Every structure is written in structure tokens, then in C-alpha cells.
Full PDB file with SEQRES, HELIX, SHEET, SSBOND, CRYST1, ORIGX, SCALE, CONECT and MASTER records, all heavy atoms in Angstrom:
SEQRES   1 A   40  VAL GLU LYS GLY PHE THR LEU LYS ASP ILE GLY VAL VAL          
SEQRES   2 A   40  LEU HIS ALA LYS PHE HIS GLN ASP PHE THR LYS ILE VAL          
SEQRES   3 A   40  ASP LYS VAL GLN VAL THR LEU TYR THR LYS LYS GLU ASP          
SEQRES   4 A   40  VAL                                                          
HELIX    1 AA1 LYS A    8  ASP A   21  1                                  14    
CRYST1    1.000    1.000    1.000  90.00  90.00  90.00 P 1           1          
ORIGX1      1.000000  0.000000  0.000000        0.00000                         
ORIGX2      0.000000  1.000000  0.000000        0.00000                         
ORIGX3      0.000000  0.000000  1.000000        0.00000                         
SCALE1      1.000000  0.000000  0.000000        0.00000                         
SCALE2      0.000000  1.000000  0.000000        0.00000                         
SCALE3      0.000000  0.000000  1.000000        0.00000                         
ATOM      1  N   VAL A   1       9.006 -20.523 -16.918  1.00  0.00           N  
ATOM      2  CA  VAL A   1      10.388 -20.298 -16.596  1.00  0.00           C  
ATOM      3  C   VAL A   1      10.786 -18.909 -17.157  1.00  0.00           C  
ATOM      4  O   VAL A   1      11.542 -18.128 -16.523  1.00  0.00           O  
ATOM      5  CB  VAL A   1      11.250 -21.417 -17.030  1.00  0.00           C  
ATOM      6  CG1 VAL A   1      12.703 -21.090 -16.789  1.00  0.00           C  
ATOM      7  CG2 VAL A   1      10.963 -22.736 -16.440  1.00  0.00           C  
ATOM      8  N   GLU A   2      10.474 -18.604 -18.358  1.00  0.00           N  
ATOM      9  CA  GLU A   2      10.773 -17.354 -18.903  1.00  0.00           C  
ATOM     10  C   GLU A   2      10.279 -16.144 -18.127  1.00  0.00           C  
ATOM     11  O   GLU A   2      10.889 -15.076 -18.057  1.00  0.00           O  
ATOM     12  CB  GLU A   2      10.307 -17.243 -20.397  1.00  0.00           C  
ATOM     13  CG  GLU A   2      11.099 -18.263 -21.400  1.00  0.00           C  
ATOM     14  CD  GLU A   2      10.457 -18.270 -22.739  1.00  0.00           C  
ATOM     15  OE1 GLU A   2       9.366 -17.584 -22.926  1.00  0.00           O  
ATOM     16  OE2 GLU A   2      10.923 -19.010 -23.590  1.00  0.00           O  
ATOM     17  N   LYS A   3       9.080 -16.364 -17.498  1.00  0.00           N  
ATOM     18  CA  LYS A   3       8.518 -15.271 -16.718  1.00  0.00           C  
ATOM     19  C   LYS A   3       9.196 -15.247 -15.359  1.00  0.00           C  
ATOM     20  O   LYS A   3       8.938 -14.333 -14.595  1.00  0.00           O  
ATOM     21  CB  LYS A   3       7.035 -15.526 -16.558  1.00  0.00           C  
ATOM     22  CG  LYS A   3       6.312 -15.209 -17.820  1.00  0.00           C  
ATOM     23  CD  LYS A   3       4.818 -15.393 -17.653  1.00  0.00           C  
ATOM     24  CE  LYS A   3       4.007 -15.099 -18.928  1.00  0.00           C  
ATOM     25  NZ  LYS A   3       2.543 -15.226 -18.689  1.00  0.00           N  
ATOM     26  N   GLY A   4      10.013 -16.146 -14.955  1.00  0.00           N  
ATOM     27  CA  GLY A   4      10.659 -16.171 -13.657  1.00  0.00           C  
ATOM     28  C   GLY A   4      10.089 -17.111 -12.616  1.00  0.00           C  
ATOM     29  O   GLY A   4      10.462 -17.035 -11.481  1.00  0.00           O  
ATOM     30  N   PHE A   5       9.343 -18.124 -13.048  1.00  0.00           N  
ATOM     31  CA  PHE A   5       8.691 -19.097 -12.142  1.00  0.00           C  
ATOM     32  C   PHE A   5       9.819 -19.871 -11.343  1.00  0.00           C  
ATOM     33  O   PHE A   5      10.755 -20.368 -11.998  1.00  0.00           O  
ATOM     34  CB  PHE A   5       7.767 -20.062 -12.842  1.00  0.00           C  
ATOM     35  CG  PHE A   5       7.232 -21.105 -11.932  1.00  0.00           C  
ATOM     36  CD1 PHE A   5       6.193 -20.888 -11.049  1.00  0.00           C  
ATOM     37  CD2 PHE A   5       7.806 -22.421 -12.061  1.00  0.00           C  
ATOM     38  CE1 PHE A   5       5.764 -21.871 -10.255  1.00  0.00           C  
ATOM     39  CE2 PHE A   5       7.404 -23.382 -11.158  1.00  0.00           C  
ATOM     40  CZ  PHE A   5       6.326 -23.230 -10.294  1.00  0.00           C  
ATOM     41  N   THR A   6       9.595 -20.091 -10.027  1.00  0.00           N  
ATOM     42  CA  THR A   6      10.500 -20.913  -9.263  1.00  0.00           C  
ATOM     43  C   THR A   6       9.632 -21.811  -8.365  1.00  0.00           C  
ATOM     44  O   THR A   6       8.510 -21.539  -8.234  1.00  0.00           O  
ATOM     45  CB  THR A   6      11.443 -20.101  -8.317  1.00  0.00           C  
ATOM     46  OG1 THR A   6      10.686 -19.478  -7.385  1.00  0.00           O  
ATOM     47  CG2 THR A   6      12.219 -19.111  -9.161  1.00  0.00           C  
ATOM     48  N   LEU A   7      10.204 -22.841  -7.866  1.00  0.00           N  
ATOM     49  CA  LEU A   7       9.460 -23.823  -7.013  1.00  0.00           C  
ATOM     50  C   LEU A   7       8.973 -23.004  -5.783  1.00  0.00           C  
ATOM     51  O   LEU A   7       7.885 -23.319  -5.143  1.00  0.00           O  
ATOM     52  CB  LEU A   7      10.393 -24.893  -6.510  1.00  0.00           C  
ATOM     53  CG  LEU A   7      10.766 -25.854  -7.716  1.00  0.00           C  
ATOM     54  CD1 LEU A   7      11.713 -27.007  -7.057  1.00  0.00           C  
ATOM     55  CD2 LEU A   7       9.528 -26.516  -8.300  1.00  0.00           C  
ATOM     56  N   LYS A   8       9.623 -21.953  -5.331  1.00  0.00           N  
ATOM     57  CA  LYS A   8       9.240 -21.160  -4.127  1.00  0.00           C  
ATOM     58  C   LYS A   8       7.793 -20.618  -4.389  1.00  0.00           C  
ATOM     59  O   LYS A   8       7.014 -20.416  -3.480  1.00  0.00           O  
ATOM     60  CB  LYS A   8      10.260 -20.097  -3.815  1.00  0.00           C  
ATOM     61  CG  LYS A   8       9.849 -19.329  -2.589  1.00  0.00           C  
ATOM     62  CD  LYS A   8      10.942 -18.201  -2.286  1.00  0.00           C  
ATOM     63  CE  LYS A   8      10.547 -17.477  -0.979  1.00  0.00           C  
ATOM     64  NZ  LYS A   8      11.635 -16.472  -0.638  1.00  0.00           N  
ATOM     65  N   ASP A   9       7.497 -20.325  -5.651  1.00  0.00           N  
ATOM     66  CA  ASP A   9       6.226 -19.728  -6.042  1.00  0.00           C  
ATOM     67  C   ASP A   9       5.025 -20.698  -5.657  1.00  0.00           C  
ATOM     68  O   ASP A   9       3.972 -20.317  -5.349  1.00  0.00           O  
ATOM     69  CB  ASP A   9       6.147 -19.377  -7.532  1.00  0.00           C  
ATOM     70  CG  ASP A   9       7.053 -18.288  -7.889  1.00  0.00           C  
ATOM     71  OD1 ASP A   9       7.312 -17.309  -6.993  1.00  0.00           O  
ATOM     72  OD2 ASP A   9       7.570 -18.339  -9.001  1.00  0.00           O  
ATOM     73  N   ILE A  10       5.345 -21.964  -5.629  1.00  0.00           N  
ATOM     74  CA  ILE A  10       4.389 -22.932  -5.256  1.00  0.00           C  
ATOM     75  C   ILE A  10       3.993 -22.667  -3.728  1.00  0.00           C  
ATOM     76  O   ILE A  10       2.830 -22.779  -3.368  1.00  0.00           O  
ATOM     77  CB  ILE A  10       4.783 -24.450  -5.448  1.00  0.00           C  
ATOM     78  CG1 ILE A  10       4.856 -24.673  -6.883  1.00  0.00           C  
ATOM     79  CG2 ILE A  10       3.915 -25.387  -4.746  1.00  0.00           C  
ATOM     80  CD1 ILE A  10       5.506 -26.079  -7.185  1.00  0.00           C  
ATOM     81  N   GLY A  11       5.036 -22.514  -2.929  1.00  0.00           N  
ATOM     82  CA  GLY A  11       4.801 -22.212  -1.485  1.00  0.00           C  
ATOM     83  C   GLY A  11       4.031 -20.952  -1.274  1.00  0.00           C  
ATOM     84  O   GLY A  11       3.227 -20.909  -0.395  1.00  0.00           O  
ATOM     85  N   VAL A  12       4.413 -19.979  -2.089  1.00  0.00           N  
ATOM     86  CA  VAL A  12       3.745 -18.671  -1.986  1.00  0.00           C  
ATOM     87  C   VAL A  12       2.181 -18.770  -2.260  1.00  0.00           C  
ATOM     88  O   VAL A  12       1.398 -18.285  -1.617  1.00  0.00           O  
ATOM     89  CB  VAL A  12       4.316 -17.613  -2.998  1.00  0.00           C  
ATOM     90  CG1 VAL A  12       3.472 -16.276  -2.997  1.00  0.00           C  
ATOM     91  CG2 VAL A  12       5.805 -17.348  -2.591  1.00  0.00           C  
ATOM     92  N   VAL A  13       1.929 -19.586  -3.288  1.00  0.00           N  
ATOM     93  CA  VAL A  13       0.492 -19.849  -3.681  1.00  0.00           C  
ATOM     94  C   VAL A  13      -0.218 -20.607  -2.527  1.00  0.00           C  
ATOM     95  O   VAL A  13      -1.374 -20.242  -2.070  1.00  0.00           O  
ATOM     96  CB  VAL A  13       0.350 -20.595  -5.036  1.00  0.00           C  
ATOM     97  CG1 VAL A  13      -1.027 -21.220  -5.212  1.00  0.00           C  
ATOM     98  CG2 VAL A  13       0.790 -19.806  -6.152  1.00  0.00           C  
ATOM     99  N   LEU A  14       0.286 -21.612  -2.042  1.00  0.00           N  
ATOM    100  CA  LEU A  14      -0.289 -22.405  -1.039  1.00  0.00           C  
ATOM    101  C   LEU A  14      -0.513 -21.604   0.246  1.00  0.00           C  
ATOM    102  O   LEU A  14      -1.566 -21.778   0.872  1.00  0.00           O  
ATOM    103  CB  LEU A  14       0.470 -23.714  -0.752  1.00  0.00           C  
ATOM    104  CG  LEU A  14       0.651 -24.647  -1.885  1.00  0.00           C  
ATOM    105  CD1 LEU A  14       1.465 -25.956  -1.509  1.00  0.00           C  
ATOM    106  CD2 LEU A  14      -0.751 -25.147  -2.268  1.00  0.00           C  
ATOM    107  N   HIS A  15       0.507 -20.853   0.695  1.00  0.00           N  
ATOM    108  CA  HIS A  15       0.365 -19.932   1.845  1.00  0.00           C  
ATOM    109  C   HIS A  15      -0.821 -19.027   1.651  1.00  0.00           C  
ATOM    110  O   HIS A  15      -1.711 -18.833   2.568  1.00  0.00           O  
ATOM    111  CB  HIS A  15       1.628 -19.213   2.127  1.00  0.00           C  
ATOM    112  CG  HIS A  15       1.529 -18.152   3.103  1.00  0.00           C  
ATOM    113  ND1 HIS A  15       1.333 -16.807   2.760  1.00  0.00           N  
ATOM    114  CD2 HIS A  15       1.458 -18.251   4.405  1.00  0.00           C  
ATOM    115  CE1 HIS A  15       1.167 -16.053   3.925  1.00  0.00           C  
ATOM    116  NE2 HIS A  15       1.267 -16.925   4.890  1.00  0.00           N  
ATOM    117  N   ALA A  16      -0.859 -18.339   0.519  1.00  0.00           N  
ATOM    118  CA  ALA A  16      -1.889 -17.257   0.300  1.00  0.00           C  
ATOM    119  C   ALA A  16      -3.308 -17.983   0.182  1.00  0.00           C  
ATOM    120  O   ALA A  16      -4.285 -17.459   0.845  1.00  0.00           O  
ATOM    121  CB  ALA A  16      -1.578 -16.536  -1.023  1.00  0.00           C  
ATOM    122  N   LYS A  17      -3.434 -19.020  -0.544  1.00  0.00           N  
ATOM    123  CA  LYS A  17      -4.794 -19.579  -0.797  1.00  0.00           C  
ATOM    124  C   LYS A  17      -5.259 -20.344   0.530  1.00  0.00           C  
ATOM    125  O   LYS A  17      -6.469 -20.292   0.674  1.00  0.00           O  
ATOM    126  CB  LYS A  17      -4.669 -20.502  -2.030  1.00  0.00           C  
ATOM    127  CG  LYS A  17      -4.500 -19.741  -3.256  1.00  0.00           C  
ATOM    128  CD  LYS A  17      -5.562 -18.732  -3.582  1.00  0.00           C  
ATOM    129  CE  LYS A  17      -6.966 -19.296  -3.876  1.00  0.00           C  
ATOM    130  NZ  LYS A  17      -7.987 -18.280  -4.170  1.00  0.00           N  
ATOM    131  N   PHE A  18      -4.454 -20.945   1.119  1.00  0.00           N  
ATOM    132  CA  PHE A  18      -4.950 -21.538   2.407  1.00  0.00           C  
ATOM    133  C   PHE A  18      -5.458 -20.578   3.327  1.00  0.00           C  
ATOM    134  O   PHE A  18      -6.445 -20.852   4.048  1.00  0.00           O  
ATOM    135  CB  PHE A  18      -3.830 -22.452   3.022  1.00  0.00           C  
ATOM    136  CG  PHE A  18      -3.499 -23.738   2.290  1.00  0.00           C  
ATOM    137  CD1 PHE A  18      -2.433 -24.496   2.579  1.00  0.00           C  
ATOM    138  CD2 PHE A  18      -4.476 -24.272   1.386  1.00  0.00           C  
ATOM    139  CE1 PHE A  18      -2.150 -25.752   1.993  1.00  0.00           C  
ATOM    140  CE2 PHE A  18      -4.196 -25.473   0.734  1.00  0.00           C  
ATOM    141  CZ  PHE A  18      -3.122 -26.147   1.045  1.00  0.00           C  
ATOM    142  N   HIS A  19      -4.736 -19.427   3.361  1.00  0.00           N  
ATOM    143  CA  HIS A  19      -5.337 -18.377   4.295  1.00  0.00           C  
ATOM    144  C   HIS A  19      -6.629 -17.763   3.756  1.00  0.00           C  
ATOM    145  O   HIS A  19      -7.601 -17.497   4.458  1.00  0.00           O  
ATOM    146  CB  HIS A  19      -4.246 -17.217   4.392  1.00  0.00           C  
ATOM    147  CG  HIS A  19      -3.342 -17.406   5.569  1.00  0.00           C  
ATOM    148  ND1 HIS A  19      -3.716 -17.352   6.828  1.00  0.00           N  
ATOM    149  CD2 HIS A  19      -1.905 -17.546   5.571  1.00  0.00           C  
ATOM    150  CE1 HIS A  19      -2.707 -17.596   7.590  1.00  0.00           C  
ATOM    151  NE2 HIS A  19      -1.596 -17.760   6.841  1.00  0.00           N  
ATOM    152  N   GLN A  20      -6.715 -17.632   2.408  1.00  0.00           N  
ATOM    153  CA  GLN A  20      -7.861 -16.993   1.801  1.00  0.00           C  
ATOM    154  C   GLN A  20      -9.114 -17.987   1.965  1.00  0.00           C  
ATOM    155  O   GLN A  20     -10.206 -17.567   2.301  1.00  0.00           O  
ATOM    156  CB  GLN A  20      -7.628 -16.693   0.328  1.00  0.00           C  
ATOM    157  CG  GLN A  20      -6.659 -15.474   0.187  1.00  0.00           C  
ATOM    158  CD  GLN A  20      -6.327 -15.302  -1.255  1.00  0.00           C  
ATOM    159  OE1 GLN A  20      -6.910 -15.985  -2.194  1.00  0.00           O  
ATOM    160  NE2 GLN A  20      -5.294 -14.463  -1.599  1.00  0.00           N  
ATOM    161  N   ASP A  21      -8.848 -19.226   1.596  1.00  0.00           N  
ATOM    162  CA  ASP A  21     -10.002 -20.182   1.430  1.00  0.00           C  
ATOM    163  C   ASP A  21     -10.342 -20.813   2.768  1.00  0.00           C  
ATOM    164  O   ASP A  21     -11.397 -21.464   2.942  1.00  0.00           O  
ATOM    165  CB  ASP A  21      -9.643 -21.278   0.458  1.00  0.00           C  
ATOM    166  CG  ASP A  21      -9.402 -20.626  -0.920  1.00  0.00           C  
ATOM    167  OD1 ASP A  21      -9.783 -19.525  -1.171  1.00  0.00           O  
ATOM    168  OD2 ASP A  21      -8.832 -21.377  -1.851  1.00  0.00           O  
ATOM    169  N   PHE A  22      -9.497 -20.891   3.709  1.00  0.00           N  
ATOM    170  CA  PHE A  22      -9.778 -21.655   5.008  1.00  0.00           C  
ATOM    171  C   PHE A  22      -9.400 -20.639   6.207  1.00  0.00           C  
ATOM    172  O   PHE A  22      -8.840 -21.080   7.214  1.00  0.00           O  
ATOM    173  CB  PHE A  22      -8.797 -22.841   5.070  1.00  0.00           C  
ATOM    174  CG  PHE A  22      -9.112 -23.818   4.025  1.00  0.00           C  
ATOM    175  CD1 PHE A  22      -8.355 -23.754   2.810  1.00  0.00           C  
ATOM    176  CD2 PHE A  22     -10.027 -24.840   4.074  1.00  0.00           C  
ATOM    177  CE1 PHE A  22      -8.614 -24.714   1.764  1.00  0.00           C  
ATOM    178  CE2 PHE A  22     -10.358 -25.692   3.108  1.00  0.00           C  
ATOM    179  CZ  PHE A  22      -9.559 -25.648   1.862  1.00  0.00           C  
ATOM    180  N   THR A  23      -9.877 -19.501   6.092  1.00  0.00           N  
ATOM    181  CA  THR A  23      -9.638 -18.511   7.046  1.00  0.00           C  
ATOM    182  C   THR A  23      -9.937 -18.908   8.546  1.00  0.00           C  
ATOM    183  O   THR A  23      -9.208 -18.666   9.450  1.00  0.00           O  
ATOM    184  CB  THR A  23     -10.345 -17.222   6.773  1.00  0.00           C  
ATOM    185  OG1 THR A  23     -10.146 -16.771   5.416  1.00  0.00           O  
ATOM    186  CG2 THR A  23     -10.092 -16.107   7.769  1.00  0.00           C  
ATOM    187  N   LYS A  24     -11.129 -19.576   8.678  1.00  0.00           N  
ATOM    188  CA  LYS A  24     -11.656 -19.925  10.079  1.00  0.00           C  
ATOM    189  C   LYS A  24     -10.748 -20.873  10.707  1.00  0.00           C  
ATOM    190  O   LYS A  24     -10.489 -20.860  11.921  1.00  0.00           O  
ATOM    191  CB  LYS A  24     -13.032 -20.405   9.989  1.00  0.00           C  
ATOM    192  CG  LYS A  24     -13.609 -20.838  11.298  1.00  0.00           C  
ATOM    193  CD  LYS A  24     -15.030 -21.088  11.281  1.00  0.00           C  
ATOM    194  CE  LYS A  24     -15.645 -21.614  12.592  1.00  0.00           C  
ATOM    195  NZ  LYS A  24     -15.499 -20.506  13.636  1.00  0.00           N  
ATOM    196  N   ILE A  25     -10.030 -21.810  10.024  1.00  0.00           N  
ATOM    197  CA  ILE A  25      -9.329 -22.863  10.699  1.00  0.00           C  
ATOM    198  C   ILE A  25      -7.726 -22.715  10.563  1.00  0.00           C  
ATOM    199  O   ILE A  25      -7.006 -23.388  11.152  1.00  0.00           O  
ATOM    200  CB  ILE A  25      -9.755 -24.317  10.162  1.00  0.00           C  
ATOM    201  CG1 ILE A  25      -9.400 -24.392   8.636  1.00  0.00           C  
ATOM    202  CG2 ILE A  25     -11.182 -24.597  10.508  1.00  0.00           C  
ATOM    203  CD1 ILE A  25      -9.677 -25.787   8.103  1.00  0.00           C  
ATOM    204  N   VAL A  26      -7.407 -21.786   9.702  1.00  0.00           N  
ATOM    205  CA  VAL A  26      -5.906 -21.585   9.438  1.00  0.00           C  
ATOM    206  C   VAL A  26      -5.414 -20.322  10.131  1.00  0.00           C  
ATOM    207  O   VAL A  26      -5.974 -19.233   9.733  1.00  0.00           O  
ATOM    208  CB  VAL A  26      -5.695 -21.680   7.917  1.00  0.00           C  
ATOM    209  CG1 VAL A  26      -4.131 -21.263   7.688  1.00  0.00           C  
ATOM    210  CG2 VAL A  26      -5.925 -23.063   7.416  1.00  0.00           C  
ATOM    211  N   ASP A  27      -4.432 -20.406  10.937  1.00  0.00           N  
ATOM    212  CA  ASP A  27      -3.771 -19.241  11.502  1.00  0.00           C  
ATOM    213  C   ASP A  27      -2.325 -19.039  10.922  1.00  0.00           C  
ATOM    214  O   ASP A  27      -1.913 -17.917  10.764  1.00  0.00           O  
ATOM    215  CB  ASP A  27      -3.711 -19.211  13.054  1.00  0.00           C  
ATOM    216  CG  ASP A  27      -5.063 -19.259  13.701  1.00  0.00           C  
ATOM    217  OD1 ASP A  27      -5.969 -18.452  13.185  1.00  0.00           O  
ATOM    218  OD2 ASP A  27      -5.246 -19.866  14.681  1.00  0.00           O  
ATOM    219  N   LYS A  28      -1.663 -20.190  10.710  1.00  0.00           N  
ATOM    220  CA  LYS A  28      -0.238 -20.108  10.274  1.00  0.00           C  
ATOM    221  C   LYS A  28       0.002 -21.164   9.162  1.00  0.00           C  
ATOM    222  O   LYS A  28      -0.536 -22.262   9.322  1.00  0.00           O  
ATOM    223  CB  LYS A  28       0.769 -20.340  11.379  1.00  0.00           C  
ATOM    224  CG  LYS A  28       0.884 -19.126  12.372  1.00  0.00           C  
ATOM    225  CD  LYS A  28       1.983 -19.438  13.370  1.00  0.00           C  
ATOM    226  CE  LYS A  28       2.270 -18.271  14.302  1.00  0.00           C  
ATOM    227  NZ  LYS A  28       3.319 -18.576  15.289  1.00  0.00           N  
ATOM    228  N   VAL A  29       0.732 -20.821   8.154  1.00  0.00           N  
ATOM    229  CA  VAL A  29       1.050 -21.794   7.190  1.00  0.00           C  
ATOM    230  C   VAL A  29       2.583 -21.601   6.840  1.00  0.00           C  
ATOM    231  O   VAL A  29       3.059 -20.473   6.531  1.00  0.00           O  
ATOM    232  CB  VAL A  29       0.282 -21.508   5.800  1.00  0.00           C  
ATOM    233  CG1 VAL A  29       0.795 -22.665   4.749  1.00  0.00           C  
ATOM    234  CG2 VAL A  29      -1.204 -21.657   6.041  1.00  0.00           C  
ATOM    235  N   GLN A  30       3.344 -22.749   6.921  1.00  0.00           N  
ATOM    236  CA  GLN A  30       4.712 -22.732   6.541  1.00  0.00           C  
ATOM    237  C   GLN A  30       5.006 -23.833   5.551  1.00  0.00           C  
ATOM    238  O   GLN A  30       4.384 -24.927   5.655  1.00  0.00           O  
ATOM    239  CB  GLN A  30       5.543 -22.990   7.773  1.00  0.00           C  
ATOM    240  CG  GLN A  30       7.064 -23.020   7.529  1.00  0.00           C  
ATOM    241  CD  GLN A  30       7.923 -23.166   8.750  1.00  0.00           C  
ATOM    242  OE1 GLN A  30       7.759 -22.393   9.726  1.00  0.00           O  
ATOM    243  NE2 GLN A  30       8.803 -24.185   8.823  1.00  0.00           N  
ATOM    244  N   VAL A  31       5.716 -23.521   4.453  1.00  0.00           N  
ATOM    245  CA  VAL A  31       5.824 -24.489   3.409  1.00  0.00           C  
ATOM    246  C   VAL A  31       7.387 -24.744   3.165  1.00  0.00           C  
ATOM    247  O   VAL A  31       8.177 -23.636   2.990  1.00  0.00           O  
ATOM    248  CB  VAL A  31       5.187 -23.925   2.076  1.00  0.00           C  
ATOM    249  CG1 VAL A  31       5.342 -25.034   0.991  1.00  0.00           C  
ATOM    250  CG2 VAL A  31       3.750 -23.609   2.273  1.00  0.00           C  
ATOM    251  N   THR A  32       7.734 -25.900   3.086  1.00  0.00           N  
ATOM    252  CA  THR A  32       9.119 -26.376   2.778  1.00  0.00           C  
ATOM    253  C   THR A  32       9.101 -27.399   1.585  1.00  0.00           C  
ATOM    254  O   THR A  32       8.353 -28.265   1.557  1.00  0.00           O  
ATOM    255  CB  THR A  32       9.766 -27.094   3.978  1.00  0.00           C  
ATOM    256  OG1 THR A  32       9.582 -26.311   5.122  1.00  0.00           O  
ATOM    257  CG2 THR A  32      11.197 -27.334   3.643  1.00  0.00           C  
ATOM    258  N   LEU A  33       9.873 -26.897   0.569  1.00  0.00           N  
ATOM    259  CA  LEU A  33      10.013 -27.736  -0.629  1.00  0.00           C  
ATOM    260  C   LEU A  33      11.291 -28.393  -0.717  1.00  0.00           C  
ATOM    261  O   LEU A  33      12.378 -27.657  -0.776  1.00  0.00           O  
ATOM    262  CB  LEU A  33       9.716 -26.843  -1.921  1.00  0.00           C  
ATOM    263  CG  LEU A  33       8.302 -26.254  -1.944  1.00  0.00           C  
ATOM    264  CD1 LEU A  33       8.375 -24.740  -1.577  1.00  0.00           C  
ATOM    265  CD2 LEU A  33       7.670 -26.462  -3.159  1.00  0.00           C  
ATOM    266  N   TYR A  34      11.415 -29.628  -0.610  1.00  0.00           N  
ATOM    267  CA  TYR A  34      12.593 -30.460  -0.705  1.00  0.00           C  
ATOM    268  C   TYR A  34      12.846 -30.993  -2.094  1.00  0.00           C  
ATOM    269  O   TYR A  34      12.010 -31.472  -2.783  1.00  0.00           O  
ATOM    270  CB  TYR A  34      12.498 -31.639   0.240  1.00  0.00           C  
ATOM    271  CG  TYR A  34      12.351 -31.356   1.631  1.00  0.00           C  
ATOM    272  CD1 TYR A  34      11.127 -31.494   2.303  1.00  0.00           C  
ATOM    273  CD2 TYR A  34      13.394 -30.811   2.509  1.00  0.00           C  
ATOM    274  CE1 TYR A  34      10.858 -31.194   3.655  1.00  0.00           C  
ATOM    275  CE2 TYR A  34      13.174 -30.492   3.826  1.00  0.00           C  
ATOM    276  CZ  TYR A  34      11.978 -30.762   4.323  1.00  0.00           C  
ATOM    277  OH  TYR A  34      11.806 -30.406   5.667  1.00  0.00           O  
ATOM    278  N   THR A  35      14.149 -30.851  -2.591  1.00  0.00           N  
ATOM    279  CA  THR A  35      14.539 -31.236  -3.873  1.00  0.00           C  
ATOM    280  C   THR A  35      15.723 -32.135  -3.864  1.00  0.00           C  
ATOM    281  O   THR A  35      16.224 -32.550  -4.936  1.00  0.00           O  
ATOM    282  CB  THR A  35      14.739 -30.078  -4.839  1.00  0.00           C  
ATOM    283  OG1 THR A  35      15.839 -29.202  -4.259  1.00  0.00           O  
ATOM    284  CG2 THR A  35      13.500 -29.220  -5.058  1.00  0.00           C  
ATOM    285  N   LYS A  36      16.167 -32.451  -2.678  1.00  0.00           N  
ATOM    286  CA  LYS A  36      17.336 -33.546  -2.610  1.00  0.00           C  
ATOM    287  C   LYS A  36      16.691 -34.888  -2.226  1.00  0.00           C  
ATOM    288  O   LYS A  36      15.775 -34.951  -1.500  1.00  0.00           O  
ATOM    289  CB  LYS A  36      18.243 -33.140  -1.416  1.00  0.00           C  
ATOM    290  CG  LYS A  36      18.990 -31.831  -1.679  1.00  0.00           C  
ATOM    291  CD  LYS A  36      19.871 -31.567  -0.443  1.00  0.00           C  
ATOM    292  CE  LYS A  36      20.651 -30.242  -0.571  1.00  0.00           C  
ATOM    293  NZ  LYS A  36      21.458 -29.871   0.618  1.00  0.00           N  
ATOM    294  N   LYS A  37      17.231 -35.850  -3.009  1.00  0.00           N  
ATOM    295  CA  LYS A  37      16.648 -37.255  -2.886  1.00  0.00           C  
ATOM    296  C   LYS A  37      16.430 -37.653  -1.426  1.00  0.00           C  
ATOM    297  O   LYS A  37      15.408 -38.289  -1.119  1.00  0.00           O  
ATOM    298  CB  LYS A  37      17.422 -38.286  -3.702  1.00  0.00           C  
ATOM    299  CG  LYS A  37      16.814 -39.643  -3.833  1.00  0.00           C  
ATOM    300  CD  LYS A  37      17.549 -40.513  -4.719  1.00  0.00           C  
ATOM    301  CE  LYS A  37      16.934 -41.888  -4.910  1.00  0.00           C  
ATOM    302  NZ  LYS A  37      16.585 -42.562  -3.526  1.00  0.00           N  
ATOM    303  N   GLU A  38      17.491 -37.569  -0.691  1.00  0.00           N  
ATOM    304  CA  GLU A  38      17.367 -38.103   0.714  1.00  0.00           C  
ATOM    305  C   GLU A  38      16.355 -37.446   1.519  1.00  0.00           C  
ATOM    306  O   GLU A  38      15.580 -38.078   2.343  1.00  0.00           O  
ATOM    307  CB  GLU A  38      18.694 -38.001   1.365  1.00  0.00           C  
ATOM    308  CG  GLU A  38      19.344 -36.574   1.500  1.00  0.00           C  
ATOM    309  CD  GLU A  38      20.173 -36.179   0.291  1.00  0.00           C  
ATOM    310  OE1 GLU A  38      19.985 -36.748  -0.801  1.00  0.00           O  
ATOM    311  OE2 GLU A  38      21.028 -35.300   0.493  1.00  0.00           O  
ATOM    312  N   ASP A  39      16.141 -36.112   1.282  1.00  0.00           N  
ATOM    313  CA  ASP A  39      15.117 -35.356   2.021  1.00  0.00           C  
ATOM    314  C   ASP A  39      13.698 -35.766   1.487  1.00  0.00           C  
ATOM    315  O   ASP A  39      12.789 -35.933   2.325  1.00  0.00           O  
ATOM    316  CB  ASP A  39      15.305 -33.882   1.808  1.00  0.00           C  
ATOM    317  CG  ASP A  39      16.569 -33.407   2.496  1.00  0.00           C  
ATOM    318  OD1 ASP A  39      16.964 -33.969   3.492  1.00  0.00           O  
ATOM    319  OD2 ASP A  39      17.108 -32.359   2.043  1.00  0.00           O  
ATOM    320  N   VAL A  40      13.687 -35.975   0.181  1.00  0.00           N  
ATOM    321  CA  VAL A  40      12.315 -36.364  -0.332  1.00  0.00           C  
ATOM    322  C   VAL A  40      11.890 -37.757   0.142  1.00  0.00           C  
ATOM    323  O   VAL A  40      10.795 -38.073   0.500  1.00  0.00           O  
ATOM    324  CB  VAL A  40      12.336 -36.220  -1.770  1.00  0.00           C  
ATOM    325  CG1 VAL A  40      11.032 -36.749  -2.441  1.00  0.00           C  
ATOM    326  CG2 VAL A  40      12.584 -34.758  -2.375  1.00  0.00           C  
TER     327      VAL A  40                                                      
MASTER        0    0    0    1    0    0    0    6  326    1    0    4          
END                                                                             
């Protein structure tokens, strides 16, 4: 947290790594992180 981590960074990681590690089968990655109880 002191370095500035946010939940959005999880989405950034998943987008980047899914493209890097699964290049042949992945063309697009969209990540939504819900933090409201009703949405979760």
C-alpha cells in the first residue's frame, strides 16, 4: 500500500500475463473487479 498498490493493479497483471503466457489463444482481455456486496 505504501508503494501505491491498488486493486486495479490485479487487473493490469492479469491482462498483461494472459497475453504474454497464452498468446495463441488470447486476443482480448477485459478485467472487472467488484467490491460492492451485491455485485460480488
